[in-house]
Amino acid sequence: MATPHVEALQRMRQVFGSREQHLLWQLSWYAEHENVTFDATFYDREPILEVTLDRDFAREFLASLGGRGGRAAELLTRVAFSDGTAVSVDRIWTINYMPRELDLTAIDLAQGETCRRWRRDSSRNNSRHLSL
C-alpha cells in the first residue's frame, strides 16, 4: 500500500508528466490571475513571500505561450516577481498559493508560522533537486 506522499507524487505525474511541467502550469496560471499571491521557494536562496508575477513578465509569458513571439524559453531564464526578484525557472523549487486576506479567526497562527519557517528552512537547506 502506497503512502499518501507516494500517491500524491504518482497523481502529479499522471496529471502533469513531470515536476517541471507542473511548475510551468503554475506559472501560466499565476500569469493569468495577476492579483493572486503566492510564496516561492528556491534551491539556492531565501524564499519570497506573498508575491505575484511581475505584470510585464506575466503578459509577455502568456503571449509567448499563445504562439505570439515564441519567447517562452527566453522568458523562463528570468522569471520576474512583483518584489523585483528575477530568477531562472530552474532555480525555483516550489510555488505555494498564499492568499492576501485570510480569516485569521479560524487559523492557528503558530502553525502557519511553523509552515512558513519549514518552507524557508527547507529551501535554505535543500541541496538537491526533488523530482516527481
Foldseek 3Di string as FASTA:
>chain_A
DDDPVVVVQVVCCVVQVKPLSVLLVVLLVLLVVVQFFWWWFFQADFIRGGKGWDNVLSVVCNCCVVVHPVCNQVSQQWGHIPVGHTHHVNGIQDIGGDGPDDPCVPDDVVVVVVVSVCRRVCSNPRNDHDMD
